Amino acid sequence: MTESAAEEWPEPPLAGTEAEAVLGALERQRATLAWKTSGLDADGLRATVGASSVTLGGLLKHLAHVEDSHFARLWLGAPVGAPWNTVDWDTDPDWAYRTAAEDTPEHLCTLWRESAARSRAVVEEALGTGGGLDQLGAYVTRSGERPNLRRILLDLVEEYARHVGHADLVRESVDGLTGEDPG
């Protein structure tokens, strides 16, 4: 990686707004997942470590679902679209992980990238209203509470951080690639 490419690596601002910091942290996690899953063939995306059944392809598919479900269901109050709406999640909660081995690397990468792009568009539109991170999503819990945009974004940062750690271990087992970023 060139020095200029390393300088373009997404980092949260050192002294930005709360929204800039949260979105910067999320973009850094997304970029790290993209890096950890890039350049691999189907076998590389299907590799596992130890007793775990987690694969890089499964992580891409799972995080695509997380992106879509958080913003469709929690923020917009809308049903998730395809392929998520065809799954009985109660009987097959690991569907994304289990079926990723059936998908091509191109399909998995496209699925994840398109889901992340939809999420970015929803967040951009929400923040464009001037309501900031305190705006409430459409989802209502049994106790009558609604998540604000801050909570939804922080949940995504947490979900990515957990799984980027998994991706780091799996990728190292595939070809030795390690590190926090390509710089």
C-alpha atoms as a PDB file:
ATOM      1  CA  MET A   1       0.000   0.000   0.000  1.00  0.00           C
ATOM      2  CA  THR A   2       1.327   3.420  -0.856  1.00  0.00           C
ATOM      3  CA  GLU A   3       1.674   6.190   1.693  1.00  0.00           C
ATOM      4  CA  SER A   4      -1.146   8.148   0.046  1.00  0.00           C
ATOM      5  CA  ALA A   5      -3.431   5.095   0.191  1.00  0.00           C
ATOM      6  CA  ALA A   6      -2.593   4.662   3.881  1.00  0.00           C
ATOM      7  CA  GLU A   7      -3.444   8.326   4.433  1.00  0.00           C
ATOM      8  CA  GLU A   8      -6.878   7.657   2.894  1.00  0.00           C
ATOM      9  CA  TRP A   9      -7.665   4.899   5.404  1.00  0.00           C
ATOM     10  CA  PRO A  10     -10.837   5.948   7.252  1.00  0.00           C
ATOM     11  CA  GLU A  11     -10.199   7.160  10.768  1.00  0.00           C
ATOM     12  CA  PRO A  12     -12.575   8.916  13.139  1.00  0.00           C
ATOM     13  CA  PRO A  13     -11.663  12.590  13.467  1.00  0.00           C
ATOM     14  CA  LEU A  14      -9.507  13.516  16.435  1.00  0.00           C
ATOM     15  CA  ALA A  15     -11.774  16.425  17.359  1.00  0.00           C
ATOM     16  CA  GLY A  16     -14.990  15.999  15.365  1.00  0.00           C
ATOM     17  CA  THR A  17     -18.617  16.093  16.340  1.00  0.00           C
ATOM     18  CA  GLU A  18     -20.251  13.123  18.013  1.00  0.00           C
ATOM     19  CA  ALA A  19     -21.830  12.054  14.719  1.00  0.00           C
ATOM     20  CA  GLU A  20     -18.498  12.365  12.893  1.00  0.00           C
ATOM     21  CA  ALA A  21     -16.752  10.287  15.567  1.00  0.00           C
ATOM     22  CA  VAL A  22     -19.363   7.508  15.563  1.00  0.00           C
ATOM     23  CA  LEU A  23     -19.585   7.390  11.767  1.00  0.00           C
ATOM     24  CA  GLY A  24     -15.790   7.505  11.504  1.00  0.00           C
ATOM     25  CA  ALA A  25     -15.477   4.531  13.849  1.00  0.00           C
ATOM     26  CA  LEU A  26     -18.072   2.610  11.833  1.00  0.00           C
ATOM     27  CA  GLU A  27     -16.355   3.393   8.520  1.00  0.00           C
ATOM     28  CA  ARG A  28     -13.013   2.251   9.924  1.00  0.00           C
ATOM     29  CA  GLN A  29     -14.566  -1.082  10.941  1.00  0.00           C
ATOM     30  CA  ARG A  30     -16.232  -1.462   7.530  1.00  0.00           C
ATOM     31  CA  ALA A  31     -12.938  -0.729   5.781  1.00  0.00           C
ATOM     32  CA  THR A  32     -11.108  -3.254   7.941  1.00  0.00           C
ATOM     33  CA  LEU A  33     -13.669  -5.950   7.124  1.00  0.00           C
ATOM     34  CA  ALA A  34     -13.351  -5.119   3.420  1.00  0.00           C
ATOM     35  CA  TRP A  35      -9.563  -5.389   3.664  1.00  0.00           C
ATOM     36  CA  LYS A  36      -9.658  -8.669   5.627  1.00  0.00           C
ATOM     37  CA  THR A  37     -11.986 -10.257   3.052  1.00  0.00           C
ATOM     38  CA  SER A  38     -10.413  -8.829  -0.109  1.00  0.00           C
ATOM     39  CA  GLY A  39      -8.495 -10.778  -2.706  1.00  0.00           C
ATOM     40  CA  LEU A  40      -9.613 -14.213  -1.568  1.00  0.00           C
ATOM     41  CA  ASP A  41     -11.108 -16.982  -3.643  1.00  0.00           C
ATOM     42  CA  ALA A  42     -14.066 -19.117  -2.562  1.00  0.00           C
ATOM     43  CA  ASP A  43     -11.832 -21.452  -0.544  1.00  0.00           C
ATOM     44  CA  GLY A  44     -10.351 -18.511   1.340  1.00  0.00           C
ATOM     45  CA  LEU A  45     -13.812 -17.175   2.184  1.00  0.00           C
ATOM     46  CA  ARG A  46     -14.870 -20.650   3.379  1.00  0.00           C
ATOM     47  CA  ALA A  47     -11.853 -21.251   5.649  1.00  0.00           C
ATOM     48  CA  THR A  48     -12.386 -21.713   9.387  1.00  0.00           C
ATOM     49  CA  VAL A  49     -10.127 -21.602  12.440  1.00  0.00           C
ATOM     50  CA  GLY A  50     -10.096 -24.319  15.079  1.00  0.00           C
ATOM     51  CA  ALA A  51     -13.488 -25.554  16.229  1.00  0.00           C
ATOM     52  CA  SER A  52     -15.274 -22.409  15.015  1.00  0.00           C
ATOM     53  CA  SER A  53     -17.543 -22.576  11.975  1.00  0.00           C
ATOM     54  CA  VAL A  54     -17.157 -18.822  11.333  1.00  0.00           C
ATOM     55  CA  THR A  55     -15.912 -18.003   7.835  1.00  0.00           C
ATOM     56  CA  LEU A  56     -15.032 -14.720   6.168  1.00  0.00           C
ATOM     57  CA  GLY A  57     -17.846 -15.301   3.683  1.00  0.00           C
ATOM     58  CA  GLY A  58     -20.239 -15.940   6.552  1.00  0.00           C
ATOM     59  CA  LEU A  59     -19.135 -12.709   8.209  1.00  0.00           C
ATOM     60  CA  LEU A  60     -19.777 -10.746   5.016  1.00  0.00           C
ATOM     61  CA  LYS A  61     -23.253 -12.220   4.668  1.00  0.00           C
ATOM     62  CA  HIS A  62     -24.069 -11.822   8.366  1.00  0.00           C
ATOM     63  CA  LEU A  63     -22.945  -8.186   8.431  1.00  0.00           C
ATOM     64  CA  ALA A  64     -24.909  -7.466   5.249  1.00  0.00           C
ATOM     65  CA  HIS A  65     -27.972  -8.738   7.097  1.00  0.00           C
ATOM     66  CA  VAL A  66     -27.124  -6.685  10.188  1.00  0.00           C
ATOM     67  CA  GLU A  67     -26.760  -3.523   8.077  1.00  0.00           C
ATOM     68  CA  ASP A  68     -30.092  -4.083   6.346  1.00  0.00           C
ATOM     69  CA  SER A  69     -32.028  -5.171   9.421  1.00  0.00           C
ATOM     70  CA  HIS A  70     -30.794  -2.364  11.659  1.00  0.00           C
ATOM     71  CA  PHE A  71     -31.811   0.356   9.253  1.00  0.00           C
ATOM     72  CA  ALA A  72     -34.887  -1.214   7.663  1.00  0.00           C
ATOM     73  CA  ARG A  73     -36.422  -2.626  10.827  1.00  0.00           C
ATOM     74  CA  LEU A  74     -35.094  -0.447  13.661  1.00  0.00           C
ATOM     75  CA  TRP A  75     -34.804   2.910  11.932  1.00  0.00           C
ATOM     76  CA  LEU A  76     -37.402   2.882   9.159  1.00  0.00           C
ATOM     77  CA  GLY A  77     -39.836   0.386  10.666  1.00  0.00           C
ATOM     78  CA  ALA A  78     -39.930  -1.454   7.350  1.00  0.00           C
ATOM     79  CA  PRO A  79     -39.524  -5.139   6.602  1.00  0.00           C
ATOM     80  CA  VAL A  80     -36.119  -6.250   5.383  1.00  0.00           C
ATOM     81  CA  GLY A  81     -35.799  -7.006   1.692  1.00  0.00           C
ATOM     82  CA  ALA A  82     -34.352  -9.931  -0.202  1.00  0.00           C
ATOM     83  CA  PRO A  83     -32.748 -12.259   0.571  1.00  0.00           C
ATOM     84  CA  TRP A  84     -33.424 -11.715   4.283  1.00  0.00           C
ATOM     85  CA  ASN A  85     -37.214 -11.734   3.935  1.00  0.00           C
ATOM     86  CA  THR A  86     -37.178 -15.337   2.689  1.00  0.00           C
ATOM     87  CA  VAL A  87     -35.538 -16.741   5.831  1.00  0.00           C
ATOM     88  CA  ASP A  88     -37.302 -18.161   8.879  1.00  0.00           C
ATOM     89  CA  TRP A  89     -34.874 -16.694  11.402  1.00  0.00           C
ATOM     90  CA  ASP A  90     -36.593 -18.438  14.319  1.00  0.00           C
ATOM     91  CA  THR A  91     -35.780 -21.891  12.941  1.00  0.00           C
ATOM     92  CA  ASP A  92     -32.534 -20.984  11.146  1.00  0.00           C
ATOM     93  CA  PRO A  93     -30.791 -18.176  13.083  1.00  0.00           C
ATOM     94  CA  ASP A  94     -27.409 -19.037  11.523  1.00  0.00           C
ATOM     95  CA  TRP A  95     -28.726 -18.941   7.958  1.00  0.00           C
ATOM     96  CA  ALA A  96     -26.284 -16.248   6.790  1.00  0.00           C
ATOM     97  CA  TYR A  97     -23.291 -18.154   8.129  1.00  0.00           C
ATOM     98  CA  ARG A  98     -24.573 -21.531   6.965  1.00  0.00           C
ATOM     99  CA  THR A  99     -25.431 -20.522   3.393  1.00  0.00           C
ATOM    100  CA  ALA A 100     -22.440 -18.289   2.628  1.00  0.00           C
ATOM    101  CA  ALA A 101     -20.468 -21.301   1.365  1.00  0.00           C
ATOM    102  CA  GLU A 102     -23.027 -21.607  -1.459  1.00  0.00           C
ATOM    103  CA  ASP A 103     -22.337 -18.044  -2.663  1.00  0.00           C
ATOM    104  CA  THR A 104     -19.535 -16.798  -4.884  1.00  0.00           C
ATOM    105  CA  PRO A 105     -17.008 -14.330  -3.487  1.00  0.00           C
ATOM    106  CA  GLU A 106     -18.361 -11.715  -5.907  1.00  0.00           C
ATOM    107  CA  HIS A 107     -21.919 -12.220  -4.676  1.00  0.00           C
ATOM    108  CA  LEU A 108     -20.924 -11.998  -1.011  1.00  0.00           C
ATOM    109  CA  CYS A 109     -18.865  -8.842  -1.520  1.00  0.00           C
ATOM    110  CA  THR A 110     -21.614  -7.206  -3.573  1.00  0.00           C
ATOM    111  CA  LEU A 111     -24.291  -8.165  -1.048  1.00  0.00           C
ATOM    112  CA  TRP A 112     -22.292  -6.624   1.797  1.00  0.00           C
ATOM    113  CA  ARG A 113     -21.222  -3.502  -0.112  1.00  0.00           C
ATOM    114  CA  GLU A 114     -24.781  -2.797  -1.271  1.00  0.00           C
ATOM    115  CA  SER A 115     -26.139  -3.260   2.258  1.00  0.00           C
ATOM    116  CA  ALA A 116     -23.536  -0.865   3.665  1.00  0.00           C
ATOM    117  CA  ALA A 117     -24.334   1.648   0.896  1.00  0.00           C
ATOM    118  CA  ARG A 118     -28.047   1.503   1.763  1.00  0.00           C
ATOM    119  CA  SER A 119     -27.190   2.101   5.419  1.00  0.00           C
ATOM    120  CA  ARG A 120     -24.992   5.072   4.552  1.00  0.00           C
ATOM    121  CA  ALA A 121     -27.810   6.579   2.479  1.00  0.00           C
ATOM    122  CA  VAL A 122     -30.332   6.166   5.310  1.00  0.00           C
ATOM    123  CA  VAL A 123     -27.961   7.763   7.826  1.00  0.00           C
ATOM    124  CA  GLU A 124     -27.111  10.616   5.464  1.00  0.00           C
ATOM    125  CA  GLU A 125     -30.809  11.325   4.940  1.00  0.00           C
ATOM    126  CA  ALA A 126     -31.531  11.158   8.677  1.00  0.00           C
ATOM    127  CA  LEU A 127     -28.666  13.483   9.571  1.00  0.00           C
ATOM    128  CA  GLY A 128     -29.696  15.813   6.750  1.00  0.00           C
ATOM    129  CA  THR A 129     -32.866  16.661   8.672  1.00  0.00           C
ATOM    130  CA  GLY A 130     -30.805  18.367  11.366  1.00  0.00           C
ATOM    131  CA  GLY A 131     -32.077  16.095  14.135  1.00  0.00           C
ATOM    132  CA  GLY A 132     -28.675  14.621  14.896  1.00  0.00           C
ATOM    133  CA  LEU A 133     -28.137  11.348  16.704  1.00  0.00           C
ATOM    134  CA  ASP A 134     -31.019  11.916  19.129  1.00  0.00           C
ATOM    135  CA  GLN A 135     -33.662  11.201  16.466  1.00  0.00           C
ATOM    136  CA  LEU A 136     -35.785   8.179  17.288  1.00  0.00           C
ATOM    137  CA  GLY A 137     -36.160   5.192  15.011  1.00  0.00           C
ATOM    138  CA  ALA A 138     -39.522   3.701  14.091  1.00  0.00           C
ATOM    139  CA  TYR A 139     -39.076   0.413  15.972  1.00  0.00           C
ATOM    140  CA  VAL A 140     -40.919   0.235  19.297  1.00  0.00           C
ATOM    141  CA  THR A 141     -39.918  -2.284  21.974  1.00  0.00           C
ATOM    142  CA  ARG A 142     -42.450  -4.160  24.105  1.00  0.00           C
ATOM    143  CA  SER A 143     -41.865  -1.573  26.828  1.00  0.00           C
ATOM    144  CA  GLY A 144     -42.654   1.265  24.421  1.00  0.00           C
ATOM    145  CA  GLU A 145     -39.098   2.503  23.910  1.00  0.00           C
ATOM    146  CA  ARG A 146     -37.590   3.487  20.569  1.00  0.00           C
ATOM    147  CA  PRO A 147     -33.876   3.423  19.708  1.00  0.00           C
ATOM    148  CA  ASN A 148     -32.267   6.661  18.672  1.00  0.00           C
ATOM    149  CA  LEU A 149     -29.865   6.907  15.755  1.00  0.00           C
ATOM    150  CA  ARG A 150     -26.917   6.985  18.160  1.00  0.00           C
ATOM    151  CA  ARG A 151     -27.880   3.606  19.648  1.00  0.00           C
ATOM    152  CA  ILE A 152     -28.365   1.998  16.240  1.00  0.00           C
ATOM    153  CA  LEU A 153     -24.981   3.249  15.023  1.00  0.00           C
ATOM    154  CA  LEU A 154     -23.196   2.224  18.221  1.00  0.00           C
ATOM    155  CA  ASP A 155     -24.741  -1.245  17.958  1.00  0.00           C
ATOM    156  CA  LEU A 156     -23.310  -1.477  14.432  1.00  0.00           C
ATOM    157  CA  VAL A 157     -19.860  -0.346  15.584  1.00  0.00           C
ATOM    158  CA  GLU A 158     -19.960  -3.015  18.303  1.00  0.00           C
ATOM    159  CA  GLU A 159     -21.145  -5.718  15.886  1.00  0.00           C
ATOM    160  CA  TYR A 160     -18.412  -4.875  13.386  1.00  0.00           C
ATOM    161  CA  ALA A 161     -15.681  -4.647  16.015  1.00  0.00           C
ATOM    162  CA  ARG A 162     -16.538  -8.114  17.313  1.00  0.00           C
ATOM    163  CA  HIS A 163     -16.573  -9.654  13.868  1.00  0.00           C
ATOM    164  CA  VAL A 164     -13.527  -7.805  12.540  1.00  0.00           C
ATOM    165  CA  GLY A 165     -11.640  -9.550  15.347  1.00  0.00           C
ATOM    166  CA  HIS A 166     -12.939 -12.871  14.073  1.00  0.00           C
ATOM    167  CA  ALA A 167     -12.009 -11.880  10.523  1.00  0.00           C
ATOM    168  CA  ASP A 168      -8.470 -11.071  11.635  1.00  0.00           C
ATOM    169  CA  LEU A 169      -7.969 -14.575  13.032  1.00  0.00           C
ATOM    170  CA  VAL A 170      -9.509 -16.337  10.048  1.00  0.00           C
ATOM    171  CA  ARG A 171      -7.579 -14.264   7.504  1.00  0.00           C
ATOM    172  CA  GLU A 172      -4.293 -14.905   9.299  1.00  0.00           C
ATOM    173  CA  SER A 173      -4.980 -18.641   9.069  1.00  0.00           C
ATOM    174  CA  VAL A 174      -5.632 -18.361   5.314  1.00  0.00           C
ATOM    175  CA  ASP A 175      -2.550 -16.471   4.157  1.00  0.00           C
ATOM    176  CA  GLY A 176      -0.825 -14.843   7.122  1.00  0.00           C
ATOM    177  CA  LEU A 177      -2.314 -11.364   6.610  1.00  0.00           C
ATOM    178  CA  THR A 178      -2.391  -9.523   9.936  1.00  0.00           C
ATOM    179  CA  GLY A 179      -2.713  -5.984  11.189  1.00  0.00           C
ATOM    180  CA  GLU A 180      -5.248  -3.289  11.912  1.00  0.00           C
ATOM    181  CA  ASP A 181      -5.025  -1.647   8.508  1.00  0.00           C
ATOM    182  CA  PRO A 182      -3.086  -2.029   5.284  1.00  0.00           C
ATOM    183  CA  GLY A 183      -0.770   0.913   6.104  1.00  0.00           C
END
